[in-house]
Protein backbone atom coordinates (compact mmCIF):
# COMPACT_ATOMS: atom_id res chain seq x y z
CA MET A 1 40.93 -24.58 -28.97
CA GLU A 2 38.53 -25.20 -31.91
CA GLN A 3 37.14 -22.18 -33.79
CA GLY A 4 33.51 -22.94 -32.64
CA GLN A 5 34.49 -23.25 -28.89
CA ARG A 6 36.49 -19.85 -29.17
CA SER A 7 33.50 -18.21 -30.79
CA GLU A 8 31.06 -19.51 -28.34
CA ARG A 9 33.26 -18.31 -25.44
CA MET A 10 33.50 -14.84 -26.98
CA SER A 11 30.02 -14.58 -27.32
CA VAL A 12 29.27 -15.53 -23.73
CA SER A 13 32.01 -13.09 -22.63
CA ARG A 14 30.48 -10.26 -24.88
CA ARG A 15 26.96 -10.93 -23.30
CA ARG A 16 28.48 -10.87 -19.78
CA PHE A 17 30.18 -7.57 -20.50
CA ILE A 18 26.92 -6.11 -22.02
CA GLN A 19 24.96 -7.32 -18.90
CA LEU A 20 27.62 -5.76 -16.64
CA LEU A 21 27.31 -2.36 -18.41
CA ALA A 22 23.48 -2.47 -18.01
CA MET A 23 23.72 -3.35 -14.27
CA LEU A 24 26.26 -0.58 -13.78
CA ALA A 25 23.97 2.02 -15.78
CA VAL A 26 20.74 0.91 -13.99
CA GLY A 27 22.23 0.76 -10.50
CA GLY A 28 24.11 4.08 -10.91
CA ARG A 29 20.90 5.84 -12.23
CA THR A 30 19.07 4.40 -9.22
CA LEU A 31 21.59 5.61 -6.88
CA TRP A 32 21.83 9.11 -8.46
CA SER A 33 18.12 9.49 -8.38
CA SER A 34 17.46 8.04 -4.89
CA GLY A 35 20.74 8.36 -2.87
CA ASP A 36 19.95 4.74 -1.67
CA ALA A 37 22.64 2.20 -2.16
CA ARG A 38 20.33 -0.58 -1.16
CA ALA A 39 17.87 0.31 -3.90
CA ALA A 40 20.73 0.64 -6.34
CA LEU A 41 21.92 -2.73 -5.70
CA ALA A 42 18.50 -4.20 -5.92
CA ALA A 43 17.88 -2.51 -9.27
CA ALA A 44 21.27 -3.74 -10.61
CA LYS A 45 20.40 -7.24 -9.44
CA GLU A 46 17.11 -7.22 -11.33
CA VAL A 47 19.00 -6.56 -14.62
CA ALA A 48 21.14 -9.68 -13.82
CA ASP A 49 18.26 -11.78 -12.72
CA GLY A 50 15.91 -10.98 -15.36
CA PRO A 51 12.11 -10.85 -14.95
CA GLY A 52 11.84 -14.76 -14.61
CA ALA A 53 13.57 -14.32 -11.33
CA TRP A 54 10.55 -12.50 -9.57
CA PRO A 55 8.49 -14.78 -7.28
CA ALA A 56 4.80 -15.51 -8.03
CA MET A 57 2.29 -13.24 -6.59
CA THR A 58 0.02 -14.65 -3.91
CA TYR A 59 -3.73 -13.51 -3.59
CA ARG A 60 -6.37 -13.16 -0.91
CA LYS A 61 -10.12 -12.60 -1.12
CA LEU A 62 -10.90 -9.08 -0.05
CA GLY A 63 -13.61 -9.75 2.58
CA ARG A 64 -17.20 -9.31 1.29
CA THR A 65 -15.98 -7.64 -1.86
CA GLY A 66 -15.32 -11.08 -3.16
CA PHE A 67 -12.35 -9.81 -5.12
CA ASP A 68 -9.27 -12.01 -5.36
CA ALA A 69 -6.55 -9.38 -4.49
CA SER A 70 -2.79 -9.44 -4.74
CA ARG A 71 -1.37 -9.34 -1.32
CA LEU A 72 0.55 -6.37 -2.28
CA PHE A 73 -1.32 -3.13 -3.56
CA MET A 74 0.10 -0.55 -5.60
CA GLY A 75 0.16 2.67 -3.68
CA CYS A 76 0.20 5.38 -6.21
CA GLY A 77 -0.56 8.57 -4.10
CA ALA A 78 2.95 9.49 -3.19
CA SER A 79 4.53 7.79 -6.16
CA LEU A 80 2.59 9.73 -8.89
CA MET A 81 2.13 13.18 -7.14
CA PHE A 82 4.38 15.02 -9.40
CA ARG A 83 4.79 12.89 -12.68
CA ARG A 84 3.65 9.84 -14.68
CA LYS A 85 5.32 6.45 -14.25
CA ASP A 86 3.72 4.25 -16.70
CA GLU A 87 6.63 1.72 -17.07
CA LEU A 88 6.67 1.36 -13.22
CA LEU A 89 2.80 0.64 -13.28
CA GLU A 90 3.08 -1.74 -16.01
CA LYS A 91 5.81 -3.70 -14.40
CA ALA A 92 3.63 -3.84 -11.04
CA HIS A 93 0.73 -5.09 -13.30
CA GLU A 94 3.26 -7.60 -15.02
CA ALA A 95 4.35 -8.82 -11.41
CA GLY A 96 0.67 -9.77 -10.67
CA ILE A 97 -0.52 -6.59 -8.68
CA ASN A 98 -4.09 -6.23 -9.49
CA VAL A 99 -5.17 -3.35 -7.02
CA PHE A 100 -3.99 0.22 -7.51
CA ASP A 101 -4.76 2.69 -4.60
CA VAL A 102 -4.69 6.48 -5.20
CA GLY A 103 -6.34 9.56 -3.53
CA TYR A 104 -7.85 12.80 -4.34
CA ARG A 105 -5.84 15.93 -5.54
CA GLY A 106 -6.10 17.97 -2.43
CA TYR A 107 -3.43 15.72 -0.79
CA TYR A 108 -1.86 13.72 -3.57
CA ARG A 109 -1.66 16.52 -6.18
CA SER A 110 -1.64 15.03 -9.77
CA ALA A 111 -1.54 11.41 -8.77
CA GLU A 112 -4.87 10.53 -10.13
CA ARG A 113 -4.39 12.54 -13.28
CA ASN A 114 -1.00 10.76 -13.70
CA LEU A 115 -2.66 7.39 -13.09
CA ALA A 116 -5.37 8.04 -15.78
CA PRO A 117 -3.30 6.98 -18.80
CA PHE A 118 -2.56 3.47 -17.40
CA LEU A 119 -6.09 3.04 -16.53
CA LYS A 120 -7.15 3.49 -20.35
CA THR A 121 -5.45 0.31 -20.84
CA TYR A 122 -5.78 -1.74 -17.77
CA ARG A 123 -9.03 -0.32 -16.09
CA ASP A 124 -10.94 -3.70 -16.74
CA SER A 125 -8.28 -5.90 -15.15
CA VAL A 126 -7.60 -3.96 -11.81
CA PHE A 127 -9.43 -3.01 -8.62
CA LEU A 128 -9.33 0.73 -8.43
CA ILE A 129 -9.45 2.43 -4.95
CA SER A 130 -9.65 6.29 -4.33
CA LYS A 131 -9.91 8.06 -1.09
CA ALA A 132 -10.67 11.65 0.51
CA PRO A 133 -11.33 12.87 3.92
CA ALA A 134 -14.79 13.97 5.04
CA ASP A 135 -13.48 17.07 6.84
CA ILE A 136 -15.10 17.99 10.13
CA ASP A 137 -13.89 20.21 12.95
CA ALA A 138 -14.11 17.73 15.65
CA GLU A 139 -11.45 15.95 18.06
CA PRO A 140 -11.15 12.26 17.69
CA ASP A 141 -13.36 11.12 20.45
CA GLU A 142 -16.01 14.00 20.09
CA ALA A 143 -19.49 13.23 19.07
CA VAL A 144 -20.13 14.94 15.69
CA THR A 145 -23.57 16.62 15.10
CA VAL A 146 -25.77 15.60 12.40
CA GLU A 147 -25.08 19.01 10.79
CA GLN A 148 -21.20 18.39 10.92
CA ALA A 149 -21.83 14.86 9.49
CA LYS A 150 -23.85 16.24 6.52
CA LYS A 151 -21.31 18.82 5.74
CA GLY A 152 -18.53 16.28 5.80
CA ALA A 153 -20.36 13.85 3.77
CA ALA A 154 -21.15 16.47 1.22
CA VAL A 155 -17.53 17.40 0.81
CA TRP A 156 -16.41 13.68 0.54
CA SER A 157 -19.10 13.15 -2.18
CA GLU A 158 -17.91 16.25 -4.09
CA ARG A 159 -14.30 15.11 -3.85
CA LEU A 160 -15.27 11.62 -5.43
CA GLU A 161 -16.72 13.59 -8.48
CA GLN A 162 -13.47 15.31 -8.88
CA SER A 163 -11.51 12.12 -8.46
CA LEU A 164 -13.55 10.40 -11.27
CA ARG A 165 -12.88 13.27 -13.52
CA ASP A 166 -9.10 13.10 -12.88
CA LEU A 167 -8.95 9.49 -13.14
CA GLU A 168 -10.99 9.65 -16.29
CA VAL A 169 -13.35 6.79 -15.25
CA ASP A 170 -17.00 6.51 -14.47
CA ARG A 171 -16.52 4.45 -11.37
CA VAL A 172 -14.07 3.24 -8.63
CA ASP A 173 -14.20 -0.18 -7.19
CA ALA A 174 -13.77 1.19 -3.52
CA TYR A 175 -14.02 4.70 -1.93
CA TYR A 176 -12.45 5.33 1.27
CA VAL A 177 -13.17 7.93 4.11
CA MET A 178 -9.56 9.05 4.23
CA ALA A 179 -7.47 9.85 7.40
CA ALA A 180 -10.44 9.12 9.63
CA HIS A 181 -10.06 9.54 13.34
CA ASN A 182 -13.40 10.22 14.52
CA PRO A 183 -15.62 7.03 15.37
CA SER A 184 -18.56 8.97 15.56
CA LEU A 185 -18.52 10.24 12.02
CA ILE A 186 -17.68 6.62 10.59
CA ARG A 187 -20.87 5.50 12.43
CA SER A 188 -22.84 8.45 11.08
CA GLU A 189 -25.86 7.72 8.78
CA GLU A 190 -24.86 10.71 6.63
CA ILE A 191 -21.72 9.21 5.51
CA GLN A 192 -23.47 5.85 4.59
CA ARG A 193 -26.34 7.59 2.76
CA ALA A 194 -23.82 9.64 0.66
CA PHE A 195 -22.15 6.33 -0.30
CA GLU A 196 -25.23 4.52 -0.93
CA ALA A 197 -26.11 7.49 -3.41
CA ALA A 198 -22.73 7.03 -5.12
CA LYS A 199 -23.23 3.36 -5.23
CA GLN A 200 -26.75 3.62 -6.78
CA ALA A 201 -25.23 6.09 -9.43
CA GLY A 202 -22.59 3.39 -10.29
CA LYS A 203 -19.82 5.59 -9.13
CA ALA A 204 -18.26 3.40 -6.37
CA ALA A 205 -18.90 -0.14 -5.51
CA HIS A 206 -17.42 -0.63 -1.98
CA LEU A 207 -17.20 1.62 0.97
CA GLY A 208 -13.85 1.76 2.83
CA VAL A 209 -11.95 3.74 5.59
CA SER A 210 -8.39 4.66 6.09
CA THR A 211 -7.15 5.49 9.43
CA HIS A 212 -3.77 6.17 11.10
CA ARG A 213 -4.81 8.01 14.16
CA ASN A 214 -7.29 6.64 16.79
CA ALA A 215 -7.28 3.52 14.41
CA GLU A 216 -8.49 0.89 16.84
CA LYS A 217 -11.69 2.92 17.81
CA VAL A 218 -12.20 3.86 14.25
CA LEU A 219 -11.84 0.17 13.09
CA GLN A 220 -14.38 -0.96 15.92
CA ALA A 221 -16.80 1.71 14.81
CA ALA A 222 -16.61 0.35 11.04
CA VAL A 223 -17.32 -2.96 12.16
CA ALA A 224 -20.29 -2.08 14.33
CA THR A 225 -22.02 -0.41 11.37
CA GLY A 226 -21.81 -3.42 9.10
CA ALA A 227 -21.43 -0.84 6.18
CA TYR A 228 -17.81 -0.92 5.30
CA ASP A 229 -16.14 -3.40 3.13
CA LEU A 230 -12.48 -2.42 3.51
CA ALA A 231 -10.22 -0.77 6.25
CA MET A 232 -6.72 0.54 5.47
CA ILE A 233 -5.01 0.65 8.97
CA ALA A 234 -1.59 1.94 10.01
CA ILE A 235 -0.21 -0.80 11.99
CA THR A 236 3.44 -2.20 12.46
CA PRO A 237 4.93 -5.35 14.18
CA GLY A 238 5.21 -3.24 17.24
CA GLY A 239 1.57 -2.10 17.33
CA TRP A 240 -0.48 0.85 16.16
CA TYR A 241 1.28 3.49 14.03
CA ASP A 242 0.84 6.96 15.34
CA TRP A 243 0.53 9.74 12.62
CA GLU A 244 1.46 12.58 14.93
CA SER A 245 4.91 11.07 16.13
CA LYS A 246 5.60 9.21 13.12
CA SER A 247 6.42 6.07 15.09
CA VAL A 248 4.48 3.32 17.00
CA LEU A 249 1.75 4.70 19.05
CA GLU A 250 2.88 5.27 22.72
CA GLY A 251 1.54 2.52 24.88
CA SER A 252 0.12 0.19 21.97
CA ALA A 253 0.29 -3.41 22.48
CA PRO A 254 2.44 -5.18 19.94
CA MET A 255 0.60 -6.57 16.88
CA LYS A 256 0.33 -10.03 18.14
CA GLU A 257 -1.57 -8.96 21.00
CA LEU A 258 -3.89 -6.93 18.76
CA ARG A 259 -4.97 -10.10 16.80
CA PRO A 260 -8.47 -10.34 18.53
CA VAL A 261 -9.22 -6.76 17.25
CA LEU A 262 -8.12 -7.63 13.67
CA GLU A 263 -9.80 -11.12 13.69
CA ASP A 264 -13.09 -9.44 14.94
CA ALA A 265 -13.04 -6.98 11.82
CA ARG A 266 -12.10 -9.71 9.35
CA SER A 267 -14.89 -11.94 10.60
CA SER A 268 -17.36 -9.29 10.05
CA GLY A 269 -16.48 -9.25 6.40
CA ILE A 270 -14.05 -6.34 6.34
CA ALA A 271 -10.77 -6.74 4.40
CA LEU A 272 -7.90 -5.46 6.34
CA VAL A 273 -5.27 -3.44 4.36
CA GLY A 274 -2.03 -2.35 6.22
CA MET A 275 -0.16 0.72 5.56
CA LYS A 276 2.84 2.34 7.18
CA ALA A 277 4.27 -1.12 8.37
CA ALA A 278 7.86 0.01 7.72
CA ARG A 279 7.35 3.84 8.16
CA HIS A 280 8.95 3.73 11.64
CA ILE A 281 12.05 2.24 10.51
CA SER A 282 12.65 4.39 7.55
CA GLY A 283 13.38 7.56 9.62
CA LEU A 284 12.38 11.15 9.23
CA PRO A 285 15.29 13.43 8.88
CA VAL A 286 13.22 16.63 9.23
CA LEU A 287 12.16 15.48 12.74
CA GLY A 288 15.66 14.77 13.46
CA TRP A 289 15.90 11.06 13.53
CA TRP A 290 17.19 8.59 11.03
CA LYS A 291 16.45 5.02 10.00
CA LYS A 292 15.83 2.52 12.80
CA LEU A 293 16.46 -0.46 11.06
CA ASP A 294 16.23 -2.87 13.90
CA ALA A 295 13.29 -1.22 15.68
CA PHE A 296 10.97 -4.25 15.19
CA ASP A 297 13.53 -6.97 15.60
CA GLN A 298 12.51 -7.63 19.16
CA TYR A 299 8.99 -8.93 17.72
CA TYR A 300 10.66 -11.50 15.43
CA ASP A 301 11.58 -15.11 15.95
CA GLU A 302 15.02 -16.46 14.97
CA ARG A 303 13.77 -18.07 11.86
CA LEU A 304 12.60 -14.51 10.33
CA LEU A 305 15.68 -12.80 11.37
CA ALA A 306 17.74 -15.57 9.71
CA GLU A 307 15.97 -15.18 6.38
CA PRO A 308 17.97 -13.10 3.68
CA LEU A 309 15.45 -10.12 4.01
CA SER A 310 15.82 -6.45 4.38
CA PRO A 311 14.31 -4.82 7.60
CA PHE A 312 11.62 -3.43 5.32
CA GLN A 313 10.74 -6.88 3.84
CA ARG A 314 10.67 -8.27 7.37
CA SER A 315 8.01 -5.90 8.48
CA TYR A 316 5.62 -6.47 5.51
CA ALA A 317 6.02 -10.24 5.70
CA PHE A 318 5.24 -10.03 9.40
CA VAL A 319 2.06 -7.89 9.31
CA LEU A 320 0.78 -10.27 6.54
CA ALA A 321 1.38 -13.25 8.85
CA HIS A 322 -0.23 -11.73 11.77
CA GLY A 323 -3.81 -10.54 10.90
CA LEU A 324 -3.64 -8.45 7.62
CA ASP A 325 -5.25 -9.63 4.34
CA VAL A 326 -3.02 -7.26 2.19
CA VAL A 327 -0.50 -4.59 2.59
CA ASN A 328 -0.50 -1.13 0.54
CA ALA A 329 2.98 0.28 -0.36
CA ASP A 330 3.77 3.56 -2.07
CA ILE A 331 6.34 2.22 -4.32
CA GLN A 332 8.69 4.63 -6.06
CA ASN A 333 10.80 2.49 -8.37
CA VAL A 334 11.34 -0.93 -9.73
CA ALA A 335 13.79 -1.83 -6.98
CA GLN A 336 11.28 -1.24 -4.27
CA LEU A 337 8.54 -3.00 -6.37
CA ARG A 338 10.82 -6.09 -6.51
CA GLU A 339 11.68 -5.96 -2.85
CA ASN A 340 8.04 -5.65 -1.84
CA VAL A 341 6.68 -8.35 -4.35
CA ALA A 342 9.38 -10.73 -2.74
CA ALA A 343 8.39 -9.90 0.97
CA THR A 344 4.50 -10.19 0.21
CA ALA A 345 4.73 -13.21 -1.91
CA GLY A 346 7.05 -15.19 0.29
CA SER A 347 5.41 -14.07 3.63
CA PRO A 348 3.58 -17.53 4.30
CA SER A 349 6.96 -19.53 3.98
CA PHE A 350 8.69 -17.42 6.58
CA PHE A 351 6.30 -18.52 9.20
CA ALA A 352 5.36 -22.16 8.26
């Protein structure tokens, strides 16, 4: 063997050895921190594949906002509750995600403050969403009084001011009525007046609602007003997600049969943002049940089941292909980011 060939082979072997060490280090670190072997393998594979192996992000116009949004939103609430993750946020931005969703400190603790440093650099290139509840003492289908709506709207407005301070920005691109379950409140003029005041002051550009309880009626109420530009809804391949049971809502029609409701909202100009698409299959040990990875398989055709996707990827790909504009995911690490990017970017090809 010639000296040049021997040196080249030694160089390749050395690179592979270094790459293997990096894979083991990253995979081991992920397994130690998350306890998730799937996430550890994905993290190790990322090192092997390199950034060039990530699929190109796809985009969708966000209803009447006119914004060309990545079909995957970066959910920052749960991810940033306790600490900053600037590298993860930058990786998401590098992957083509241009919408960052967070929420007020009363629920998400330090998330907005932990997002603020990232925004100092990237604010002008991202669509920023925050949210807070308009607290009222009323059951889901109870008609709220004008006085209740006024108090709820005032609290909601105060929380926007706090969010702007925590985020260290002067405006958000969208502000949601968070965890909405009462259609009467969503229809109220008080909420709409409170938002118009914020909009006139340059503090929020678009009104939105997020709901994972009584979601269908809340969505229909938002459509009826003509005031809402975005709706983040908890929906799965099996139908509406139920916050109370942390599973599919009992008696819900599957998502395919809910298309008329979704299309009515979209045709009105409301952008539909999915959440909780995979929450049911993740399990919730504190309630005594574990992962149900095949829970939605009955709703998938043979082609989707044959795709080399995880159960989580299938659920995201499915909801995007059956009525949603985009999906919001609380992403904890690069492995989850990569997995979600692949699912959302590839969604159209799985159903062509």
